């Protein structure tokens, strides 16, 4: 069944918004009182396209309305909607102007200001998404940096994936964000980094590599950007005169390593909280693999994996250094699945799964019976 989404559009208020009116009424207009109707497929073909996405559940990268292009900025925006603007319908990721119907979603205007671009808020299954008048805008890492700082200008299109790493192995991994399917969330991360205010770092210490939570953003050209909480450290001595150093995360302050090896400190409540625990909403902890721990000789089995960042995963059934079975699976958006059959003549005993997810190799015991 074709999925139809509708979004309220009021032409008069759209014209007012796009003209940059500084005296916009901040009370939402009521929705159109005209009867709603289901839009047939033939009608959809005649409607003006305003955006395109992979599906009707993902916000488009841009919205084009009245010859103005609005670029996606972030999800879960703090901007407040002040005016309902009208209806849009969606079919298979194609967003078009509409005139109402079931499953209504809303596009709102935002309060005009001399200090910001014209903007709209597009609300859907993804939450509230903020779009701003493009005007040549790109998401820039380190907005306060000079042109000579070597910080590359990035957009979500440039990103391969984003993932979390832990200071201590936990047996879990984070589900990565993939540039192919999670562009809106990646764009939000870049926007939050753009908005982070650089500071001189007095009294702060860069975290030791591998000793703190880290958000890693891998770029398609192989470079990587990393965000960690900044530290404050104190040095003292114990009763025996030995020097001791203790470090704690510094509230709301982050340390950034740019894709060109530049590092700096910045303040960002949002990113500090995201690296701490906020990432769990977008990048939940998942088991890197699931494998049976007991099988009969001749039995079928499956081994599945989650959160892989590689193109392929490899699984082997081992007895010591001897390989009994060796299998490979392609990885699709972090997920993989391998099926096989234990040799019917395999002797009973203790064996091992050797599971290579592409970045880490795990060993897991499996007992075979006859």
Protein backbone atom coordinates (compact mmCIF):
# COMPACT_ATOMS: atom_id res chain seq x y z
CA UNK A 1 0.00 0.00 0.00
CA UNK A 2 1.41 3.39 -0.97
CA UNK A 3 2.41 5.32 2.09
CA UNK A 4 0.94 8.79 2.09
CA UNK A 5 2.06 11.52 4.41
CA UNK A 6 0.48 14.94 4.43
CA UNK A 7 1.80 18.20 5.73
CA UNK A 8 -0.13 21.38 6.27
CA UNK A 9 0.82 24.23 3.84
CA UNK A 10 -0.73 27.69 3.91
CA UNK A 11 0.34 29.62 0.83
CA UNK A 12 -0.09 33.04 2.42
CA UNK A 13 2.13 32.24 5.37
CA UNK A 14 4.70 30.50 3.16
CA UNK A 15 5.07 33.63 1.07
CA UNK A 16 5.39 35.68 4.27
CA UNK A 17 8.10 33.38 5.61
CA UNK A 18 10.13 33.28 2.42
CA UNK A 19 10.04 37.05 2.04
CA UNK A 20 11.72 37.37 5.43
CA UNK A 21 8.84 39.14 7.08
CA UNK A 22 10.02 40.44 10.45
CA UNK A 23 6.54 40.78 11.97
CA UNK A 24 5.24 37.26 11.61
CA UNK A 25 2.33 36.39 13.89
CA UNK A 26 3.63 33.85 16.40
CA UNK A 27 0.29 32.08 16.92
CA UNK A 28 -0.28 29.02 14.76
CA UNK A 29 -3.04 29.24 12.20
CA UNK A 30 -5.72 26.54 12.43
CA UNK A 31 -5.47 23.71 9.94
CA UNK A 32 -7.47 24.05 6.76
CA UNK A 33 -11.15 23.34 7.31
CA UNK A 34 -11.53 21.92 3.81
CA UNK A 35 -12.49 18.20 3.72
CA UNK A 36 -9.53 15.81 3.66
CA UNK A 37 -9.29 13.30 0.84
CA UNK A 38 -7.04 10.44 -0.15
CA UNK A 39 -4.64 11.42 -2.92
CA UNK A 40 -4.65 8.93 -5.80
CA UNK A 41 -1.45 7.83 -7.56
CA UNK A 42 -2.34 9.66 -10.78
CA UNK A 43 -2.67 12.92 -8.87
CA UNK A 44 0.73 12.42 -7.22
CA UNK A 45 2.49 12.57 -10.56
CA UNK A 46 1.23 16.13 -11.15
CA UNK A 47 2.35 17.57 -7.83
CA UNK A 48 5.44 19.76 -7.42
CA UNK A 49 8.35 17.91 -5.83
CA UNK A 50 9.79 19.64 -2.77
CA UNK A 51 12.18 16.97 -1.48
CA UNK A 52 13.54 13.45 -1.95
CA UNK A 53 14.61 10.81 0.58
CA UNK A 54 15.26 7.08 0.73
CA UNK A 55 11.80 6.59 2.27
CA UNK A 56 8.92 8.53 3.78
CA UNK A 57 10.38 7.74 7.22
CA UNK A 58 13.62 9.70 6.55
CA UNK A 59 13.75 13.50 6.21
CA UNK A 60 15.03 14.76 2.86
CA UNK A 61 18.40 16.52 2.63
CA UNK A 62 16.75 19.61 1.18
CA UNK A 63 13.31 21.17 0.82
CA UNK A 64 12.62 23.40 -2.18
CA UNK A 65 9.74 25.82 -1.70
CA UNK A 66 8.93 28.96 -3.70
CA UNK A 67 12.36 28.87 -5.42
CA UNK A 68 14.13 28.78 -2.04
CA UNK A 69 16.23 25.76 -1.05
CA UNK A 70 16.21 24.83 2.63
CA UNK A 71 19.04 22.56 3.80
CA UNK A 72 18.69 20.05 6.62
CA UNK A 73 20.51 21.26 9.74
CA UNK A 74 19.67 19.02 12.70
CA UNK A 75 17.22 16.66 14.35
CA UNK A 76 15.52 17.29 17.71
CA UNK A 77 15.96 21.02 17.23
CA UNK A 78 15.56 23.45 20.12
CA UNK A 79 13.97 25.95 17.72
CA UNK A 80 10.30 26.55 18.47
CA UNK A 81 7.68 26.32 15.71
CA UNK A 82 5.50 29.41 15.50
CA UNK A 83 3.29 28.85 12.46
CA UNK A 84 1.76 25.92 10.60
CA UNK A 85 2.51 26.34 6.92
CA UNK A 86 0.59 23.67 5.01
CA UNK A 87 0.38 20.14 3.57
CA UNK A 88 2.85 17.92 1.75
CA UNK A 89 2.29 14.35 0.60
CA UNK A 90 4.94 11.63 0.31
CA UNK A 91 5.14 8.59 -1.94
CA UNK A 92 8.15 6.25 -1.76
CA UNK A 93 10.42 8.98 -0.42
CA UNK A 94 9.20 11.66 -2.86
CA UNK A 95 7.83 14.68 -0.98
CA UNK A 96 5.34 16.84 -2.89
CA UNK A 97 2.89 19.65 -2.30
CA UNK A 98 -0.53 18.43 -1.18
CA UNK A 99 -3.92 19.53 0.00
CA UNK A 100 -4.55 17.45 3.10
CA UNK A 101 -5.38 13.88 3.96
CA UNK A 102 -4.83 11.20 6.61
CA UNK A 103 -1.47 10.79 8.33
CA UNK A 104 -0.83 14.54 8.48
CA UNK A 105 2.70 15.76 9.26
CA UNK A 106 3.49 19.41 9.79
CA UNK A 107 5.93 21.95 8.41
CA UNK A 108 6.22 25.03 10.63
CA UNK A 109 7.87 28.38 10.28
CA UNK A 110 10.22 29.70 12.97
CA UNK A 111 10.41 33.16 14.52
CA UNK A 112 12.32 35.50 12.17
CA UNK A 113 15.55 37.06 13.39
CA UNK A 114 18.31 39.22 11.92
CA UNK A 115 20.91 36.89 13.46
CA UNK A 116 19.81 33.70 11.69
CA UNK A 117 18.69 32.43 8.32
CA UNK A 118 15.08 31.83 7.40
CA UNK A 119 14.10 28.41 8.65
CA UNK A 120 11.34 25.82 8.74
CA UNK A 121 10.71 22.83 10.98
CA UNK A 122 9.62 19.58 9.34
CA UNK A 123 8.03 17.15 11.82
CA UNK A 124 7.66 13.45 11.00
CA UNK A 125 8.48 9.99 12.28
CA UNK A 126 12.08 11.21 12.61
CA UNK A 127 11.03 13.89 15.13
CA UNK A 128 11.52 17.61 14.54
CA UNK A 129 14.01 18.46 11.78
CA UNK A 130 15.31 22.01 11.30
CA UNK A 131 15.96 23.33 7.78
CA UNK A 132 17.61 26.67 7.00
CA UNK A 133 17.80 28.75 3.84
CA UNK A 134 20.80 27.10 2.17
CA UNK A 135 22.49 30.26 0.87
CA UNK A 136 25.62 28.27 0.15
CA UNK A 137 25.70 26.82 3.69
CA UNK A 138 27.71 23.66 4.52
CA UNK A 139 28.30 22.02 7.87
CA UNK A 140 31.73 23.27 8.92
CA UNK A 141 33.95 21.68 11.54
CA UNK A 142 35.14 24.28 14.04
CA UNK A 143 33.19 27.34 12.97
CA UNK A 144 35.50 29.72 14.83
CA UNK A 145 38.64 28.39 13.17
CA UNK A 146 40.52 30.53 10.67
CA UNK A 147 40.90 29.45 7.07
CA UNK A 148 44.52 28.50 7.78
CA UNK A 149 43.75 26.01 10.53
CA UNK A 150 43.57 23.07 8.13
CA UNK A 151 40.10 21.98 9.29
CA UNK A 152 38.26 20.44 6.34
CA UNK A 153 34.75 21.50 5.47
CA UNK A 154 32.50 18.47 5.78
CA UNK A 155 28.91 17.59 5.04
CA UNK A 156 27.08 14.39 5.89
CA UNK A 157 27.60 13.26 2.29
CA UNK A 158 31.36 13.08 2.99
CA UNK A 159 30.97 10.74 5.99
CA UNK A 160 31.28 6.96 5.74
CA UNK A 161 30.14 6.14 9.28
CA UNK A 162 30.17 7.28 12.92
CA UNK A 163 30.62 5.00 15.93
CA UNK A 164 31.47 4.96 19.62
CA UNK A 165 34.48 3.38 21.34
CA UNK A 166 34.81 2.50 25.02
CA UNK A 167 37.80 2.97 27.36
CA UNK A 168 37.46 -0.63 28.56
CA UNK A 169 36.20 -3.55 26.41
CA UNK A 170 32.68 -4.49 27.52
CA UNK A 171 31.70 -7.26 25.14
CA UNK A 172 29.32 -4.83 23.44
CA UNK A 173 29.71 -2.43 20.52
CA UNK A 174 27.72 0.58 19.41
CA UNK A 175 25.50 0.34 16.37
CA UNK A 176 27.24 2.69 13.91
CA UNK A 177 25.56 5.49 12.02
CA UNK A 178 26.04 4.88 8.30
CA UNK A 179 26.31 7.66 5.77
CA UNK A 180 24.08 5.69 3.40
CA UNK A 181 21.07 5.50 5.75
CA UNK A 182 21.67 7.82 8.73
CA UNK A 183 22.54 11.05 6.95
CA UNK A 184 20.20 13.22 9.03
CA UNK A 185 21.75 12.12 12.32
CA UNK A 186 25.29 12.49 10.98
CA UNK A 187 24.44 15.97 9.72
CA UNK A 188 23.16 16.79 13.21
CA UNK A 189 26.49 15.71 14.75
CA UNK A 190 28.40 17.94 12.32
CA UNK A 191 26.06 20.85 13.01
CA UNK A 192 26.54 20.49 16.78
CA UNK A 193 30.30 20.47 16.26
CA UNK A 194 30.04 23.57 14.10
CA UNK A 195 28.12 25.28 16.90
CA UNK A 196 30.65 24.28 19.59
CA UNK A 197 32.62 27.30 20.85
CA UNK A 198 36.39 26.93 20.83
CA UNK A 199 38.22 27.76 24.06
CA UNK A 200 41.88 28.15 24.95
CA UNK A 201 41.95 25.04 27.11
CA UNK A 202 43.57 26.58 30.19
CA UNK A 203 43.33 24.07 33.03
CA UNK A 204 42.18 21.31 30.68
CA UNK A 205 43.97 18.14 29.61
CA UNK A 206 43.47 16.09 26.48
CA UNK A 207 42.27 12.59 27.37
CA UNK A 208 44.75 9.75 26.96
CA UNK A 209 44.05 7.71 23.85
CA UNK A 210 41.77 4.82 24.66
CA UNK A 211 41.08 6.02 28.22
CA UNK A 212 37.72 7.69 27.65
CA UNK A 213 34.52 7.36 25.65
CA UNK A 214 34.96 8.66 22.11
CA UNK A 215 32.74 9.55 19.18
CA UNK A 216 34.53 8.64 15.95
CA UNK A 217 33.49 10.00 12.56
CA UNK A 218 35.15 8.29 9.60
CA UNK A 219 35.30 10.22 6.33
CA UNK A 220 35.05 8.47 2.98
CA UNK A 221 38.61 9.51 2.08
CA UNK A 222 39.96 7.56 5.06
CA UNK A 223 40.50 10.42 7.51
CA UNK A 224 38.89 10.40 10.94
CA UNK A 225 37.49 12.96 13.35
CA UNK A 226 37.24 12.17 17.07
CA UNK A 227 35.41 13.84 19.98
CA UNK A 228 36.14 13.02 23.63
CA UNK A 229 35.29 14.70 26.94
CA UNK A 230 38.03 17.10 28.05
CA UNK A 231 39.75 16.33 31.37
CA UNK A 232 40.81 18.30 34.41
CA UNK A 233 43.70 16.64 36.25
CA UNK A 234 45.26 17.11 39.68
CA UNK A 235 48.75 15.97 40.64
CA UNK A 236 49.76 15.23 44.22
CA UNK A 237 51.72 12.76 46.30
CA UNK A 238 50.72 9.90 48.57
CA UNK A 239 51.98 9.07 52.07
CA UNK A 240 55.10 7.46 50.65
CA UNK A 241 55.97 10.46 48.51
CA UNK A 242 54.97 8.88 45.21
CA UNK A 243 53.45 11.24 42.66
CA UNK A 244 49.79 10.60 41.85
CA UNK A 245 47.57 12.09 39.16
CA UNK A 246 43.79 11.92 39.07
CA UNK A 247 41.65 13.09 36.15
CA UNK A 248 37.93 13.71 35.76
CA UNK A 249 35.78 14.78 32.78
CA UNK A 250 35.28 18.55 32.63
CA UNK A 251 31.57 19.39 32.47
CA UNK A 252 30.37 20.56 29.06
CA UNK A 253 33.87 20.73 27.59
CA UNK A 254 35.15 18.52 24.81
CA UNK A 255 38.42 17.72 23.09
CA UNK A 256 38.35 17.45 19.29
CA UNK A 257 40.86 15.84 16.97
CA UNK A 258 40.17 17.04 13.43
CA UNK A 259 40.59 15.05 10.22
CA UNK A 260 43.87 16.83 9.49
CA UNK A 261 45.36 16.05 12.94
CA UNK A 262 44.52 19.46 14.39
CA UNK A 263 43.31 19.31 18.01
CA UNK A 264 41.40 21.85 20.09
CA UNK A 265 39.11 22.25 23.10
CA UNK A 266 35.53 23.50 22.86
CA UNK A 267 32.38 23.87 24.92
CA UNK A 268 29.23 21.99 23.92
CA UNK A 269 26.59 20.79 26.36
CA UNK A 270 25.01 18.66 23.66
CA UNK A 271 28.16 16.85 22.49
CA UNK A 272 29.47 16.38 26.05
CA UNK A 273 26.23 14.64 27.03
CA UNK A 274 26.09 12.73 23.75
CA UNK A 275 29.55 11.20 24.24
CA UNK A 276 28.66 10.34 27.84
CA UNK A 277 25.35 8.48 27.44
CA UNK A 278 23.26 10.42 24.94
CA UNK A 279 24.58 8.31 22.06
CA UNK A 280 22.51 5.35 23.27
CA UNK A 281 19.37 6.81 21.67
CA UNK A 282 20.94 6.79 18.19
CA UNK A 283 23.75 4.25 18.55
CA UNK A 284 22.55 1.59 21.01
CA UNK A 285 24.84 -1.05 22.46
CA UNK A 286 24.55 -4.36 20.59
CA UNK A 287 26.22 -7.77 20.83
CA UNK A 288 28.94 -8.06 18.17
CA UNK A 289 27.96 -11.69 17.50
CA UNK A 290 25.52 -14.43 18.50
CA UNK A 291 26.69 -18.04 18.14
CA UNK A 292 25.44 -21.37 19.57
CA UNK A 293 27.48 -22.87 22.41
CA UNK A 294 26.34 -26.44 21.78
CA UNK A 295 25.58 -28.45 18.63
CA UNK A 296 25.15 -32.03 17.44
CA UNK A 297 27.39 -33.37 14.68
CA UNK A 298 25.48 -32.98 11.41
CA UNK A 299 23.27 -30.17 12.77
CA UNK A 300 22.58 -26.90 10.99
CA UNK A 301 23.58 -23.65 12.69
CA UNK A 302 23.61 -19.90 12.21
CA UNK A 303 25.93 -17.22 13.51
CA UNK A 304 24.79 -13.59 13.29
CA UNK A 305 26.52 -10.30 14.00
CA UNK A 306 25.63 -6.69 14.75
CA UNK A 307 27.41 -3.36 14.67
CA UNK A 308 30.20 -4.38 12.29
CA UNK A 309 32.09 -1.57 10.55
CA UNK A 310 33.67 -3.80 7.88
CA UNK A 311 32.56 -5.07 4.47
CA UNK A 312 32.88 -8.74 5.42
CA UNK A 313 32.71 -10.94 8.51
CA UNK A 314 34.45 -14.32 8.79
CA UNK A 315 33.56 -17.28 11.00
CA UNK A 316 35.60 -20.43 11.51
CA UNK A 317 34.95 -23.56 13.57
CA UNK A 318 38.29 -24.51 15.13
CA UNK A 319 39.83 -27.42 17.03
CA UNK A 320 43.03 -25.96 18.41
CA UNK A 321 44.87 -24.61 15.36
CA UNK A 322 42.94 -26.83 12.93
CA UNK A 323 40.15 -25.25 10.91
CA UNK A 324 37.06 -27.45 10.62
CA UNK A 325 34.85 -24.96 8.76
CA UNK A 326 35.49 -21.50 7.33
CA UNK A 327 32.71 -19.17 6.17
CA UNK A 328 32.31 -15.53 5.11
CA UNK A 329 29.39 -13.10 4.98
CA UNK A 330 28.96 -9.66 3.49
CA UNK A 331 28.02 -6.96 5.99
CA UNK A 332 25.01 -4.75 5.29
CA UNK A 333 24.64 -1.67 7.48
CA UNK A 334 26.47 -3.42 10.30
CA UNK A 335 24.48 -6.67 10.15
CA UNK A 336 25.64 -10.08 8.91
CA UNK A 337 24.37 -13.68 8.98
CA UNK A 338 26.15 -16.97 8.31
CA UNK A 339 24.52 -20.40 8.05
CA UNK A 340 26.24 -23.78 7.91
CA UNK A 341 26.18 -27.45 8.89
CA UNK A 342 28.47 -29.25 11.31
CA UNK A 343 30.20 -32.19 9.60
CA UNK A 344 28.32 -35.38 10.46
CA UNK A 345 31.52 -37.31 11.19
CA UNK A 346 32.97 -34.72 13.57
CA UNK A 347 34.15 -36.21 16.85
CA UNK A 348 32.44 -35.07 20.03
CA UNK A 349 34.38 -32.58 22.11
CA UNK A 350 35.10 -28.94 22.81
CA UNK A 351 35.65 -26.63 19.85
CA UNK A 352 35.87 -22.89 19.30
CA UNK A 353 34.18 -20.34 17.10
CA UNK A 354 36.74 -17.88 15.67
CA UNK A 355 34.68 -14.83 14.74
CA UNK A 356 36.32 -11.94 12.86
CA UNK A 357 33.95 -8.98 12.58
CA UNK A 358 36.41 -6.99 10.48
CA UNK A 359 37.75 -4.88 13.34
CA UNK A 360 37.91 -7.40 16.22
CA UNK A 361 38.38 -11.16 16.43
CA UNK A 362 36.45 -13.05 19.11
CA UNK A 363 36.72 -16.59 20.40
CA UNK A 364 33.69 -18.46 21.74
CA UNK A 365 33.47 -22.02 23.04
CA UNK A 366 31.13 -24.55 21.44
CA UNK A 367 30.63 -28.17 22.49
CA UNK A 368 29.86 -30.78 19.82
CA UNK A 369 28.03 -34.00 20.66
CA UNK A 370 27.28 -37.11 18.58
